[in-house]
Amino acid sequence: MNLTPIARSDQGVQYTCKAYQKDLRDAGLIASMSRKGMPYDNAVMESFFASLKQELTHHEQFKDRDEARTRVFDYIEVFDKPRAIAQRAGQPLTRRLRRAGGV
């Protein structure tokens, strides 16, 4: 499976200009923008990044990029993904963990 990274943004002038779009293509990224007049398109990602900053990066000093990359990956896979799955199932993660004997 060939996965191409996506650069998600709104339609601000800095993201729609030709130079930025060329830089994305040169870096092998696909541009993905919210629809005009639809602020909710990006709400899920903005919520995720707000949580990531609050729960991980605001109080951390990473020694290098590799450590930051590893810690963010761990945050997503170990902490945030199970929480998102539990929310989609309609029950808080703490309740599911309690039933499984984890909390």
N, C-alpha and C. Protein backbone atom coordinates (compact mmCIF):
# COMPACT_ATOMS: atom_id res chain seq x y z
N MET A 1 0.85 -1.18 0.00
CA MET A 1 0.00 0.00 0.00
C MET A 1 0.89 1.24 0.00
N ASN A 2 0.62 2.15 -0.88
CA ASN A 2 1.39 3.39 -1.00
C ASN A 2 0.64 4.51 -0.29
N LEU A 3 1.16 4.96 0.84
CA LEU A 3 0.52 6.04 1.60
C LEU A 3 1.28 7.34 1.39
N THR A 4 0.59 8.35 0.93
CA THR A 4 1.18 9.66 0.73
C THR A 4 0.75 10.58 1.85
N PRO A 5 1.70 11.25 2.52
CA PRO A 5 1.33 12.16 3.61
C PRO A 5 0.47 13.32 3.10
N ILE A 6 -0.43 13.75 3.96
CA ILE A 6 -1.35 14.84 3.64
C ILE A 6 -1.05 16.04 4.52
N ALA A 7 -1.02 17.22 3.92
CA ALA A 7 -0.88 18.48 4.67
C ALA A 7 -2.26 19.12 4.73
N ARG A 8 -2.87 19.14 5.91
CA ARG A 8 -4.24 19.65 6.09
C ARG A 8 -4.20 21.11 6.52
N SER A 9 -5.02 21.94 5.90
CA SER A 9 -5.07 23.36 6.26
C SER A 9 -6.43 23.95 5.90
N ASP A 10 -6.62 25.20 6.28
CA ASP A 10 -7.80 25.92 5.81
C ASP A 10 -7.43 26.57 4.47
N GLN A 11 -8.29 27.45 3.97
CA GLN A 11 -8.02 28.06 2.67
C GLN A 11 -7.41 29.45 2.81
N GLY A 12 -6.63 29.65 3.87
CA GLY A 12 -5.95 30.92 4.04
C GLY A 12 -5.00 31.20 2.88
N VAL A 13 -4.77 32.47 2.64
CA VAL A 13 -3.95 32.88 1.49
C VAL A 13 -2.55 32.27 1.55
N GLN A 14 -2.01 32.08 2.76
CA GLN A 14 -0.67 31.51 2.88
C GLN A 14 -0.64 30.05 2.42
N TYR A 15 -1.79 29.35 2.48
CA TYR A 15 -1.84 27.94 2.08
C TYR A 15 -2.26 27.74 0.63
N THR A 16 -2.88 28.74 0.04
CA THR A 16 -3.36 28.60 -1.34
C THR A 16 -2.41 29.20 -2.36
N CYS A 17 -1.40 29.92 -1.91
CA CYS A 17 -0.49 30.55 -2.87
C CYS A 17 0.32 29.49 -3.63
N LYS A 18 0.70 29.82 -4.84
CA LYS A 18 1.40 28.87 -5.73
C LYS A 18 2.72 28.39 -5.12
N ALA A 19 3.45 29.28 -4.45
CA ALA A 19 4.76 28.89 -3.89
C ALA A 19 4.59 27.81 -2.82
N TYR A 20 3.59 27.97 -1.95
CA TYR A 20 3.35 26.98 -0.90
C TYR A 20 2.91 25.65 -1.51
N GLN A 21 2.02 25.71 -2.49
CA GLN A 21 1.55 24.50 -3.16
C GLN A 21 2.71 23.77 -3.85
N LYS A 22 3.63 24.53 -4.44
CA LYS A 22 4.81 23.92 -5.07
C LYS A 22 5.69 23.27 -4.01
N ASP A 23 5.89 23.94 -2.89
CA ASP A 23 6.69 23.36 -1.81
C ASP A 23 6.10 22.05 -1.32
N LEU A 24 4.77 21.99 -1.21
CA LEU A 24 4.13 20.73 -0.81
C LEU A 24 4.41 19.62 -1.82
N ARG A 25 4.20 19.94 -3.09
CA ARG A 25 4.46 18.93 -4.13
C ARG A 25 5.91 18.47 -4.12
N ASP A 26 6.84 19.42 -3.98
CA ASP A 26 8.26 19.08 -3.96
C ASP A 26 8.61 18.19 -2.76
N ALA A 27 7.87 18.34 -1.67
CA ALA A 27 8.10 17.53 -0.48
C ALA A 27 7.34 16.20 -0.54
N GLY A 28 6.58 15.99 -1.60
CA GLY A 28 5.83 14.74 -1.75
C GLY A 28 4.56 14.69 -0.91
N LEU A 29 3.99 15.85 -0.62
CA LEU A 29 2.77 15.94 0.19
C LEU A 29 1.56 16.28 -0.67
N ILE A 30 0.40 15.83 -0.24
CA ILE A 30 -0.86 16.18 -0.88
C ILE A 30 -1.53 17.26 -0.05
N ALA A 31 -1.97 18.33 -0.70
CA ALA A 31 -2.69 19.39 0.00
C ALA A 31 -4.14 18.99 0.21
N SER A 32 -4.64 19.22 1.41
CA SER A 32 -6.04 18.96 1.73
C SER A 32 -6.56 20.18 2.47
N MET A 33 -7.59 20.81 1.92
CA MET A 33 -8.11 22.03 2.52
C MET A 33 -9.58 21.89 2.87
N SER A 34 -9.96 22.62 3.90
CA SER A 34 -11.37 22.65 4.26
C SER A 34 -12.15 23.37 3.17
N ARG A 35 -13.44 23.10 3.11
CA ARG A 35 -14.28 23.77 2.12
C ARG A 35 -14.49 25.23 2.53
N LYS A 36 -14.67 26.06 1.57
CA LYS A 36 -14.90 27.48 1.81
C LYS A 36 -16.15 27.67 2.66
N GLY A 37 -16.04 28.44 3.73
CA GLY A 37 -17.18 28.74 4.59
C GLY A 37 -17.59 27.59 5.49
N MET A 38 -16.75 26.56 5.63
CA MET A 38 -17.08 25.41 6.47
C MET A 38 -16.03 25.26 7.58
N PRO A 39 -16.13 26.03 8.64
CA PRO A 39 -15.12 25.98 9.70
C PRO A 39 -15.09 24.65 10.43
N TYR A 40 -16.15 23.85 10.31
CA TYR A 40 -16.21 22.58 11.05
C TYR A 40 -15.39 21.48 10.39
N ASP A 41 -15.01 21.67 9.12
CA ASP A 41 -14.21 20.66 8.43
C ASP A 41 -12.94 20.33 9.21
N ASN A 42 -12.35 21.32 9.82
CA ASN A 42 -11.07 21.15 10.48
C ASN A 42 -11.21 20.96 11.99
N ALA A 43 -12.42 20.94 12.51
CA ALA A 43 -12.63 20.92 13.95
C ALA A 43 -12.03 19.69 14.63
N VAL A 44 -12.12 18.54 14.01
CA VAL A 44 -11.59 17.32 14.61
C VAL A 44 -10.07 17.41 14.76
N MET A 45 -9.40 17.86 13.71
CA MET A 45 -7.94 17.97 13.78
C MET A 45 -7.52 19.06 14.76
N GLU A 46 -8.23 20.17 14.78
CA GLU A 46 -7.87 21.23 15.72
C GLU A 46 -8.06 20.76 17.15
N SER A 47 -9.10 19.98 17.40
CA SER A 47 -9.33 19.42 18.73
C SER A 47 -8.20 18.46 19.10
N PHE A 48 -7.80 17.61 18.15
CA PHE A 48 -6.70 16.67 18.41
C PHE A 48 -5.42 17.42 18.75
N PHE A 49 -5.06 18.42 17.94
CA PHE A 49 -3.80 19.13 18.19
C PHE A 49 -3.85 19.92 19.50
N ALA A 50 -5.01 20.44 19.86
CA ALA A 50 -5.14 21.12 21.16
C ALA A 50 -4.88 20.13 22.29
N SER A 51 -5.44 18.92 22.18
CA SER A 51 -5.20 17.90 23.21
C SER A 51 -3.74 17.48 23.23
N LEU A 52 -3.15 17.28 22.08
CA LEU A 52 -1.74 16.88 22.00
C LEU A 52 -0.85 17.93 22.68
N LYS A 53 -1.09 19.18 22.38
CA LYS A 53 -0.28 20.25 22.98
C LYS A 53 -0.47 20.29 24.49
N GLN A 54 -1.71 20.24 24.93
CA GLN A 54 -2.01 20.33 26.36
C GLN A 54 -1.48 19.13 27.14
N GLU A 55 -1.63 17.94 26.59
CA GLU A 55 -1.32 16.72 27.32
C GLU A 55 0.10 16.22 27.12
N LEU A 56 0.80 16.70 26.10
CA LEU A 56 2.14 16.18 25.85
C LEU A 56 3.19 17.27 25.63
N THR A 57 3.04 18.06 24.61
CA THR A 57 4.17 18.89 24.17
C THR A 57 4.40 20.16 24.98
N HIS A 58 3.39 20.73 25.61
CA HIS A 58 3.59 21.99 26.33
C HIS A 58 4.50 21.85 27.55
N HIS A 59 4.58 20.66 28.12
CA HIS A 59 5.39 20.50 29.32
C HIS A 59 6.61 19.60 29.09
N GLU A 60 6.93 19.33 27.83
CA GLU A 60 8.05 18.44 27.50
C GLU A 60 9.18 19.19 26.82
N GLN A 61 10.39 18.76 27.09
CA GLN A 61 11.57 19.22 26.36
C GLN A 61 12.17 17.97 25.72
N PHE A 62 12.08 17.86 24.41
CA PHE A 62 12.61 16.70 23.70
C PHE A 62 14.07 16.95 23.36
N LYS A 63 14.90 15.90 23.48
CA LYS A 63 16.32 16.08 23.20
C LYS A 63 16.61 16.23 21.71
N ASP A 64 15.74 15.63 20.86
CA ASP A 64 15.92 15.75 19.41
C ASP A 64 14.61 15.38 18.71
N ARG A 65 14.62 15.47 17.38
CA ARG A 65 13.42 15.17 16.59
C ARG A 65 12.97 13.74 16.74
N ASP A 66 13.93 12.82 16.79
CA ASP A 66 13.57 11.40 16.92
C ASP A 66 12.81 11.13 18.21
N GLU A 67 13.25 11.74 19.30
CA GLU A 67 12.53 11.55 20.56
C GLU A 67 11.13 12.15 20.47
N ALA A 68 11.02 13.34 19.88
CA ALA A 68 9.71 13.98 19.73
C ALA A 68 8.79 13.11 18.87
N ARG A 69 9.31 12.60 17.76
CA ARG A 69 8.53 11.75 16.86
C ARG A 69 8.03 10.50 17.59
N THR A 70 8.92 9.86 18.36
CA THR A 70 8.55 8.66 19.10
C THR A 70 7.50 8.96 20.15
N ARG A 71 7.66 10.06 20.88
CA ARG A 71 6.71 10.41 21.93
C ARG A 71 5.33 10.75 21.35
N VAL A 72 5.30 11.45 20.22
CA VAL A 72 4.03 11.78 19.59
C VAL A 72 3.37 10.51 19.06
N PHE A 73 4.13 9.62 18.46
CA PHE A 73 3.59 8.35 17.98
C PHE A 73 2.99 7.57 19.15
N ASP A 74 3.74 7.48 20.26
CA ASP A 74 3.23 6.76 21.43
C ASP A 74 1.96 7.41 21.97
N TYR A 75 1.91 8.73 21.98
CA TYR A 75 0.72 9.44 22.44
C TYR A 75 -0.49 9.04 21.60
N ILE A 76 -0.31 9.03 20.30
CA ILE A 76 -1.42 8.71 19.40
C ILE A 76 -1.85 7.26 19.55
N GLU A 77 -0.89 6.34 19.47
CA GLU A 77 -1.21 4.92 19.45
C GLU A 77 -1.62 4.36 20.80
N VAL A 78 -0.98 4.82 21.87
CA VAL A 78 -1.22 4.23 23.19
C VAL A 78 -2.30 4.97 23.97
N PHE A 79 -2.34 6.31 23.83
CA PHE A 79 -3.26 7.08 24.66
C PHE A 79 -4.48 7.57 23.89
N ASP A 80 -4.26 8.25 22.78
CA ASP A 80 -5.37 8.92 22.10
C ASP A 80 -6.24 7.98 21.28
N LYS A 81 -5.65 7.03 20.58
CA LYS A 81 -6.45 6.13 19.73
C LYS A 81 -7.47 5.33 20.54
N PRO A 82 -7.07 4.69 21.67
CA PRO A 82 -8.08 3.97 22.47
C PRO A 82 -9.19 4.91 22.99
N ARG A 83 -8.82 6.14 23.33
CA ARG A 83 -9.81 7.11 23.80
C ARG A 83 -10.80 7.42 22.68
N ALA A 84 -10.31 7.61 21.47
CA ALA A 84 -11.19 7.93 20.34
C ALA A 84 -12.11 6.75 20.01
N ILE A 85 -11.58 5.54 20.06
CA ILE A 85 -12.39 4.35 19.80
C ILE A 85 -13.49 4.24 20.84
N ALA A 86 -13.15 4.47 22.11
CA ALA A 86 -14.15 4.41 23.18
C ALA A 86 -15.23 5.47 22.99
N GLN A 87 -14.83 6.67 22.56
CA GLN A 87 -15.82 7.73 22.34
C GLN A 87 -16.76 7.36 21.21
N ARG A 88 -16.22 6.76 20.15
CA ARG A 88 -17.08 6.34 19.04
C ARG A 88 -18.04 5.24 19.48
N ALA A 89 -17.63 4.42 20.42
CA ALA A 89 -18.48 3.36 20.93
C ALA A 89 -19.52 3.90 21.91
N GLY A 90 -19.42 5.19 22.24
CA GLY A 90 -20.41 5.83 23.09
C GLY A 90 -20.19 5.68 24.58
N GLN A 91 -18.99 5.33 24.98
CA GLN A 91 -18.74 5.24 26.41
C GLN A 91 -17.36 5.79 26.74
N PRO A 92 -17.24 6.44 27.86
CA PRO A 92 -15.95 7.01 28.24
C PRO A 92 -14.91 5.91 28.41
N LEU A 93 -13.67 6.23 28.08
CA LEU A 93 -12.58 5.26 28.17
C LEU A 93 -12.42 4.74 29.60
N THR A 94 -12.59 5.61 30.60
CA THR A 94 -12.40 5.16 31.98
C THR A 94 -13.39 4.05 32.34
N ARG A 95 -14.62 4.14 31.83
CA ARG A 95 -15.61 3.10 32.12
C ARG A 95 -15.19 1.78 31.47
N ARG A 96 -14.71 1.84 30.22
CA ARG A 96 -14.28 0.61 29.55
C ARG A 96 -13.08 0.00 30.27
N LEU A 97 -12.13 0.85 30.69
CA LEU A 97 -10.96 0.32 31.40
C LEU A 97 -11.36 -0.28 32.74
N ARG A 98 -12.30 0.38 33.43
CA ARG A 98 -12.75 -0.12 34.73
C ARG A 98 -13.36 -1.51 34.58
N ARG A 99 -14.19 -1.68 33.55
CA ARG A 99 -14.81 -2.98 33.32
C ARG A 99 -13.77 -4.05 32.98
N ALA A 100 -12.69 -3.63 32.32
CA ALA A 100 -11.65 -4.58 31.93
C ALA A 100 -10.63 -4.78 33.06
N GLY A 101 -10.81 -4.06 34.17
CA GLY A 101 -9.89 -4.19 35.29
C GLY A 101 -8.64 -3.35 35.17
N GLY A 102 -8.63 -2.37 34.24
CA GLY A 102 -7.45 -1.54 34.02
C GLY A 102 -7.38 -0.30 34.87
N VAL A 103 -8.48 0.14 35.47
CA VAL A 103 -8.47 1.36 36.30
C VAL A 103 -9.10 1.06 37.62
